[in-house]
Amino acid sequence: ETLAVLLDLARQGHDMSTSALRCLQVDASLETEETTTTKTTQPIRRVWDEWSEVTVDAQSSHIMLSIPSDATPSFSVPGGVTYRWLIRFAFRAQPWNNRAGAIESVHWELPIVLAV
C-alpha cells in the first residue's frame, strides 16, 4: 500500500511574493509509536519510510510513503498499550524579504489511523 499526501506550500489566496515565509525543504517520515501507561517507559518508535524534497519557491509538492503489507493496524487498549501511526514533517523555511536571513525549522506530527 502507498500513502499519498499533497502539500500546498503557498498561502491560499495570497501572492507567493507577499507570504511571510518561503518553504526551502520538506522532510517526512512514516512512523509507528508504541506507548504504555507505565510512566517510566519511553515510547518505542520505528521509522517505516522516509521522504525528502528541496522545495525552493515551489507552490506545491507531494509525498509517497510505503506502508508495509503486513502492517499492524492502529489500536488502543484502555489502561494499557497504544499503537499509532503518524507522519512526522520537518519544514525548513526562510523569510521572503530576506533570502540571506536565518532558516527556521518547523516540526509537525500528523496522526493517521491505519485500519485493516
N, C-alpha and C. Protein backbone atom coordinates (compact mmCIF):
# COMPACT_ATOMS: atom_id res chain seq x y z
N GLU A 1 0.83 -1.18 0.00
CA GLU A 1 0.00 0.00 0.00
C GLU A 1 0.88 1.25 0.00
N THR A 2 0.33 2.31 -0.55
CA THR A 2 1.04 3.58 -0.61
C THR A 2 0.17 4.68 -0.04
N LEU A 3 0.77 5.52 0.76
CA LEU A 3 0.10 6.68 1.34
C LEU A 3 0.55 7.90 0.55
N ALA A 4 -0.39 8.62 -0.04
CA ALA A 4 -0.06 9.81 -0.83
C ALA A 4 -0.58 11.05 -0.10
N VAL A 5 0.25 12.08 -0.05
CA VAL A 5 -0.11 13.34 0.62
C VAL A 5 0.25 14.48 -0.32
N LEU A 6 -0.68 15.39 -0.54
CA LEU A 6 -0.43 16.58 -1.35
C LEU A 6 -0.14 17.73 -0.40
N LEU A 7 0.93 18.45 -0.65
CA LEU A 7 1.32 19.60 0.18
C LEU A 7 1.09 20.89 -0.58
N ASP A 8 0.32 21.79 -0.01
CA ASP A 8 0.13 23.11 -0.58
C ASP A 8 1.10 24.03 0.16
N LEU A 9 2.17 24.44 -0.49
CA LEU A 9 3.21 25.23 0.16
C LEU A 9 2.97 26.73 0.03
N ALA A 10 1.99 27.13 -0.77
CA ALA A 10 1.64 28.54 -0.92
C ALA A 10 0.49 28.87 0.01
N ARG A 11 0.45 30.07 0.48
CA ARG A 11 -0.68 30.50 1.31
C ARG A 11 -1.87 30.71 0.40
N GLN A 12 -2.96 30.03 0.67
CA GLN A 12 -4.16 30.09 -0.17
C GLN A 12 -4.63 31.53 -0.32
N GLY A 13 -4.90 31.91 -1.56
CA GLY A 13 -5.47 33.22 -1.83
C GLY A 13 -4.48 34.36 -1.73
N HIS A 14 -3.21 34.06 -1.60
CA HIS A 14 -2.21 35.12 -1.48
C HIS A 14 -1.15 34.96 -2.56
N ASP A 15 -0.58 36.06 -2.94
CA ASP A 15 0.55 36.06 -3.86
C ASP A 15 1.76 35.52 -3.10
N MET A 16 2.49 34.58 -3.72
CA MET A 16 3.66 33.99 -3.06
C MET A 16 4.66 35.06 -2.62
N SER A 17 4.78 36.13 -3.38
CA SER A 17 5.78 37.14 -3.06
C SER A 17 5.42 37.93 -1.80
N THR A 18 4.16 37.87 -1.35
CA THR A 18 3.78 38.59 -0.14
C THR A 18 3.68 37.67 1.08
N SER A 19 3.92 36.37 0.89
CA SER A 19 3.89 35.44 2.02
C SER A 19 5.06 35.72 2.94
N ALA A 20 4.89 35.45 4.21
CA ALA A 20 5.93 35.72 5.19
C ALA A 20 7.14 34.81 5.00
N LEU A 21 6.90 33.54 4.70
CA LEU A 21 8.00 32.58 4.57
C LEU A 21 7.91 31.83 3.25
N ARG A 22 9.04 31.40 2.77
CA ARG A 22 9.07 30.50 1.61
C ARG A 22 9.65 29.18 2.09
N CYS A 23 9.07 28.09 1.64
CA CYS A 23 9.50 26.76 2.07
C CYS A 23 10.69 26.32 1.23
N LEU A 24 11.78 25.96 1.89
CA LEU A 24 13.00 25.55 1.21
C LEU A 24 13.11 24.04 1.07
N GLN A 25 12.66 23.31 2.08
CA GLN A 25 12.80 21.86 2.07
C GLN A 25 11.75 21.24 2.97
N VAL A 26 11.28 20.05 2.57
CA VAL A 26 10.33 19.29 3.37
C VAL A 26 10.88 17.88 3.55
N ASP A 27 10.89 17.41 4.78
CA ASP A 27 11.25 16.03 5.10
C ASP A 27 10.04 15.40 5.77
N ALA A 28 9.79 14.13 5.47
CA ALA A 28 8.67 13.42 6.10
C ALA A 28 9.08 11.99 6.37
N SER A 29 8.53 11.43 7.42
CA SER A 29 8.76 10.02 7.72
C SER A 29 7.47 9.39 8.22
N LEU A 30 7.24 8.15 7.78
CA LEU A 30 6.11 7.36 8.25
C LEU A 30 6.61 6.53 9.41
N GLU A 31 5.98 6.71 10.57
CA GLU A 31 6.46 6.07 11.79
C GLU A 31 5.33 5.41 12.57
N THR A 32 5.73 4.49 13.43
CA THR A 32 4.81 3.97 14.44
C THR A 32 5.37 4.32 15.81
N GLU A 33 4.45 4.42 16.76
CA GLU A 33 4.82 4.73 18.13
C GLU A 33 3.99 3.85 19.05
N GLU A 34 4.68 3.10 19.88
CA GLU A 34 4.01 2.24 20.85
C GLU A 34 4.27 2.78 22.25
N THR A 35 3.18 3.04 22.98
CA THR A 35 3.32 3.56 24.33
C THR A 35 2.53 2.69 25.30
N THR A 36 2.97 2.70 26.53
CA THR A 36 2.26 2.00 27.59
C THR A 36 1.91 3.02 28.67
N THR A 37 1.06 2.62 29.59
CA THR A 37 0.66 3.53 30.66
C THR A 37 1.75 3.69 31.70
N THR A 38 2.80 2.88 31.64
CA THR A 38 3.91 3.00 32.58
C THR A 38 4.65 4.29 32.31
N LYS A 39 4.75 5.16 33.28
CA LYS A 39 5.38 6.47 33.12
C LYS A 39 6.89 6.37 32.88
N THR A 40 7.53 5.29 33.32
CA THR A 40 8.98 5.18 33.20
C THR A 40 9.41 4.66 31.83
N THR A 41 8.49 4.17 31.05
CA THR A 41 8.82 3.59 29.75
C THR A 41 8.72 4.65 28.66
N GLN A 42 9.80 4.80 27.90
CA GLN A 42 9.79 5.70 26.75
C GLN A 42 9.02 5.05 25.60
N PRO A 43 8.37 5.84 24.76
CA PRO A 43 7.67 5.27 23.60
C PRO A 43 8.66 4.53 22.70
N ILE A 44 8.20 3.45 22.10
CA ILE A 44 9.02 2.72 21.13
C ILE A 44 8.63 3.23 19.76
N ARG A 45 9.60 3.81 19.04
CA ARG A 45 9.33 4.39 17.73
C ARG A 45 10.06 3.59 16.65
N ARG A 46 9.40 3.48 15.50
CA ARG A 46 10.02 2.82 14.36
C ARG A 46 9.71 3.62 13.10
N VAL A 47 10.72 3.85 12.28
CA VAL A 47 10.56 4.55 11.01
C VAL A 47 10.38 3.50 9.92
N TRP A 48 9.29 3.62 9.15
CA TRP A 48 8.98 2.65 8.09
C TRP A 48 9.38 3.16 6.72
N ASP A 49 9.28 4.46 6.50
CA ASP A 49 9.65 5.03 5.22
C ASP A 49 9.98 6.50 5.41
N GLU A 50 10.83 7.04 4.54
CA GLU A 50 11.24 8.44 4.63
C GLU A 50 11.18 9.08 3.25
N TRP A 51 11.02 10.40 3.24
CA TRP A 51 10.94 11.15 2.00
C TRP A 51 11.50 12.54 2.26
N SER A 52 12.19 13.09 1.27
CA SER A 52 12.76 14.42 1.40
C SER A 52 12.75 15.10 0.04
N GLU A 53 12.48 16.40 0.03
CA GLU A 53 12.49 17.14 -1.23
C GLU A 53 12.88 18.59 -0.99
N VAL A 54 13.73 19.10 -1.85
CA VAL A 54 14.03 20.53 -1.85
C VAL A 54 12.89 21.21 -2.59
N THR A 55 12.27 22.19 -1.95
CA THR A 55 11.05 22.80 -2.49
C THR A 55 11.19 24.31 -2.69
N VAL A 56 12.39 24.79 -2.90
CA VAL A 56 12.62 26.23 -3.02
C VAL A 56 11.68 26.82 -4.07
N ASP A 57 10.87 27.76 -3.64
CA ASP A 57 9.93 28.51 -4.49
C ASP A 57 8.83 27.65 -5.10
N ALA A 58 8.67 26.41 -4.69
CA ALA A 58 7.58 25.56 -5.19
C ALA A 58 6.27 25.97 -4.52
N GLN A 59 5.17 25.86 -5.24
CA GLN A 59 3.87 26.17 -4.67
C GLN A 59 3.21 24.93 -4.10
N SER A 60 3.61 23.75 -4.59
CA SER A 60 3.05 22.50 -4.07
C SER A 60 4.05 21.37 -4.26
N SER A 61 3.79 20.29 -3.58
CA SER A 61 4.62 19.09 -3.70
C SER A 61 3.75 17.91 -3.27
N HIS A 62 4.29 16.71 -3.38
CA HIS A 62 3.56 15.54 -2.93
C HIS A 62 4.52 14.54 -2.29
N ILE A 63 3.95 13.71 -1.46
CA ILE A 63 4.70 12.69 -0.74
C ILE A 63 4.10 11.33 -1.07
N MET A 64 4.94 10.35 -1.27
CA MET A 64 4.50 8.96 -1.45
C MET A 64 5.27 8.13 -0.42
N LEU A 65 4.57 7.57 0.55
CA LEU A 65 5.19 6.75 1.58
C LEU A 65 4.62 5.34 1.50
N SER A 66 5.48 4.35 1.61
CA SER A 66 5.05 2.95 1.51
C SER A 66 4.65 2.40 2.87
N ILE A 67 3.49 1.78 2.92
CA ILE A 67 3.01 1.10 4.13
C ILE A 67 3.29 -0.39 3.94
N PRO A 68 3.96 -1.02 4.89
CA PRO A 68 4.26 -2.45 4.74
C PRO A 68 2.98 -3.28 4.61
N SER A 69 3.04 -4.32 3.80
CA SER A 69 1.85 -5.16 3.56
C SER A 69 1.40 -5.89 4.83
N ASP A 70 2.32 -6.12 5.75
CA ASP A 70 1.97 -6.82 7.00
C ASP A 70 1.87 -5.85 8.18
N ALA A 71 1.53 -4.60 7.90
CA ALA A 71 1.49 -3.57 8.93
C ALA A 71 0.43 -3.86 9.99
N THR A 72 0.78 -3.63 11.23
CA THR A 72 -0.16 -3.75 12.35
C THR A 72 -1.05 -2.52 12.35
N PRO A 73 -2.36 -2.69 12.42
CA PRO A 73 -3.25 -1.51 12.43
C PRO A 73 -3.13 -0.73 13.74
N SER A 74 -3.60 0.50 13.72
CA SER A 74 -3.62 1.34 14.92
C SER A 74 -4.57 0.72 15.94
N PHE A 75 -4.20 0.79 17.22
CA PHE A 75 -5.10 0.32 18.26
C PHE A 75 -4.75 0.95 19.59
N SER A 76 -5.71 0.89 20.51
CA SER A 76 -5.50 1.38 21.86
C SER A 76 -6.29 0.50 22.81
N VAL A 77 -5.64 0.07 23.87
CA VAL A 77 -6.27 -0.74 24.91
C VAL A 77 -6.39 0.14 26.16
N PRO A 78 -7.60 0.40 26.65
CA PRO A 78 -7.76 1.26 27.83
C PRO A 78 -6.88 0.77 28.99
N GLY A 79 -6.09 1.69 29.52
CA GLY A 79 -5.22 1.36 30.63
C GLY A 79 -4.04 0.48 30.24
N GLY A 80 -3.75 0.40 28.96
CA GLY A 80 -2.68 -0.49 28.51
C GLY A 80 -1.80 0.10 27.44
N VAL A 81 -1.80 -0.52 26.28
CA VAL A 81 -0.89 -0.18 25.19
C VAL A 81 -1.62 0.61 24.11
N THR A 82 -0.92 1.58 23.53
CA THR A 82 -1.41 2.31 22.36
C THR A 82 -0.38 2.15 21.24
N TYR A 83 -0.87 1.80 20.05
CA TYR A 83 -0.01 1.65 18.88
C TYR A 83 -0.58 2.57 17.82
N ARG A 84 0.20 3.59 17.45
CA ARG A 84 -0.32 4.57 16.49
C ARG A 84 0.66 4.80 15.35
N TRP A 85 0.09 5.19 14.22
CA TRP A 85 0.85 5.55 13.04
C TRP A 85 0.83 7.08 12.92
N LEU A 86 1.91 7.66 12.41
CA LEU A 86 1.96 9.09 12.21
C LEU A 86 2.96 9.44 11.13
N ILE A 87 2.76 10.61 10.57
CA ILE A 87 3.74 11.17 9.64
C ILE A 87 4.39 12.34 10.36
N ARG A 88 5.69 12.31 10.45
CA ARG A 88 6.44 13.43 11.04
C ARG A 88 6.98 14.29 9.90
N PHE A 89 6.69 15.58 9.98
CA PHE A 89 7.15 16.53 8.98
C PHE A 89 8.20 17.45 9.58
N ALA A 90 9.16 17.86 8.78
CA ALA A 90 10.10 18.92 9.12
C ALA A 90 10.13 19.87 7.93
N PHE A 91 9.74 21.11 8.16
CA PHE A 91 9.74 22.13 7.12
C PHE A 91 10.88 23.10 7.42
N ARG A 92 11.67 23.43 6.41
CA ARG A 92 12.71 24.44 6.55
C ARG A 92 12.27 25.64 5.71
N ALA A 93 12.22 26.81 6.35
CA ALA A 93 11.69 27.99 5.68
C ALA A 93 12.56 29.20 5.97
N GLN A 94 12.38 30.21 5.12
CA GLN A 94 13.17 31.43 5.21
C GLN A 94 12.27 32.61 4.83
N PRO A 95 12.48 33.78 5.43
CA PRO A 95 11.66 34.94 5.07
C PRO A 95 11.83 35.30 3.59
N TRP A 96 10.71 35.62 2.94
CA TRP A 96 10.75 36.02 1.53
C TRP A 96 11.57 37.28 1.34
N ASN A 97 11.41 38.22 2.25
CA ASN A 97 12.05 39.53 2.07
C ASN A 97 13.51 39.55 2.48
N ASN A 98 14.06 38.43 2.95
CA ASN A 98 15.46 38.39 3.38
C ASN A 98 16.03 37.01 3.05
N ARG A 99 16.39 36.81 1.81
CA ARG A 99 16.87 35.49 1.37
C ARG A 99 18.20 35.10 2.00
N ALA A 100 18.87 36.03 2.61
CA ALA A 100 20.10 35.71 3.33
C ALA A 100 19.81 35.52 4.83
N GLY A 101 18.53 35.61 5.18
CA GLY A 101 18.13 35.51 6.58
C GLY A 101 18.24 34.09 7.13
N ALA A 102 18.01 33.99 8.40
CA ALA A 102 18.12 32.70 9.09
C ALA A 102 17.05 31.73 8.59
N ILE A 103 17.42 30.47 8.53
CA ILE A 103 16.50 29.41 8.14
C ILE A 103 15.84 28.87 9.40
N GLU A 104 14.51 28.82 9.37
CA GLU A 104 13.74 28.32 10.50
C GLU A 104 13.28 26.90 10.23
N SER A 105 13.19 26.09 11.27
CA SER A 105 12.66 24.73 11.15
C SER A 105 11.36 24.62 11.93
N VAL A 106 10.39 24.00 11.30
CA VAL A 106 9.10 23.75 11.95
C VAL A 106 8.84 22.25 11.87
N HIS A 107 8.51 21.65 13.01
CA HIS A 107 8.24 20.21 13.06
C HIS A 107 6.77 20.00 13.39
N TRP A 108 6.18 19.00 12.75
CA TRP A 108 4.75 18.75 12.91
C TRP A 108 4.49 17.26 12.78
N GLU A 109 3.58 16.75 13.61
CA GLU A 109 3.16 15.35 13.56
C GLU A 109 1.72 15.28 13.10
N LEU A 110 1.46 14.38 12.15
CA LEU A 110 0.11 14.15 11.67
C LEU A 110 -0.27 12.71 12.01
N PRO A 111 -1.10 12.51 13.05
CA PRO A 111 -1.53 11.15 13.39
C PRO A 111 -2.45 10.61 12.27
N ILE A 112 -2.29 9.35 11.93
CA ILE A 112 -3.17 8.70 10.95
C ILE A 112 -3.67 7.40 11.56
N VAL A 113 -4.84 6.97 11.14
CA VAL A 113 -5.40 5.72 11.62
C VAL A 113 -5.25 4.70 10.51
N LEU A 114 -4.54 3.65 10.80
CA LEU A 114 -4.36 2.56 9.83
C LEU A 114 -5.29 1.43 10.25
N ALA A 115 -6.23 1.10 9.37
CA ALA A 115 -7.19 0.05 9.65
C ALA A 115 -6.97 -1.11 8.70
N VAL A 116 -7.40 -2.26 9.09
CA VAL A 116 -7.23 -3.44 8.24
C VAL A 116 -8.47 -3.65 7.40
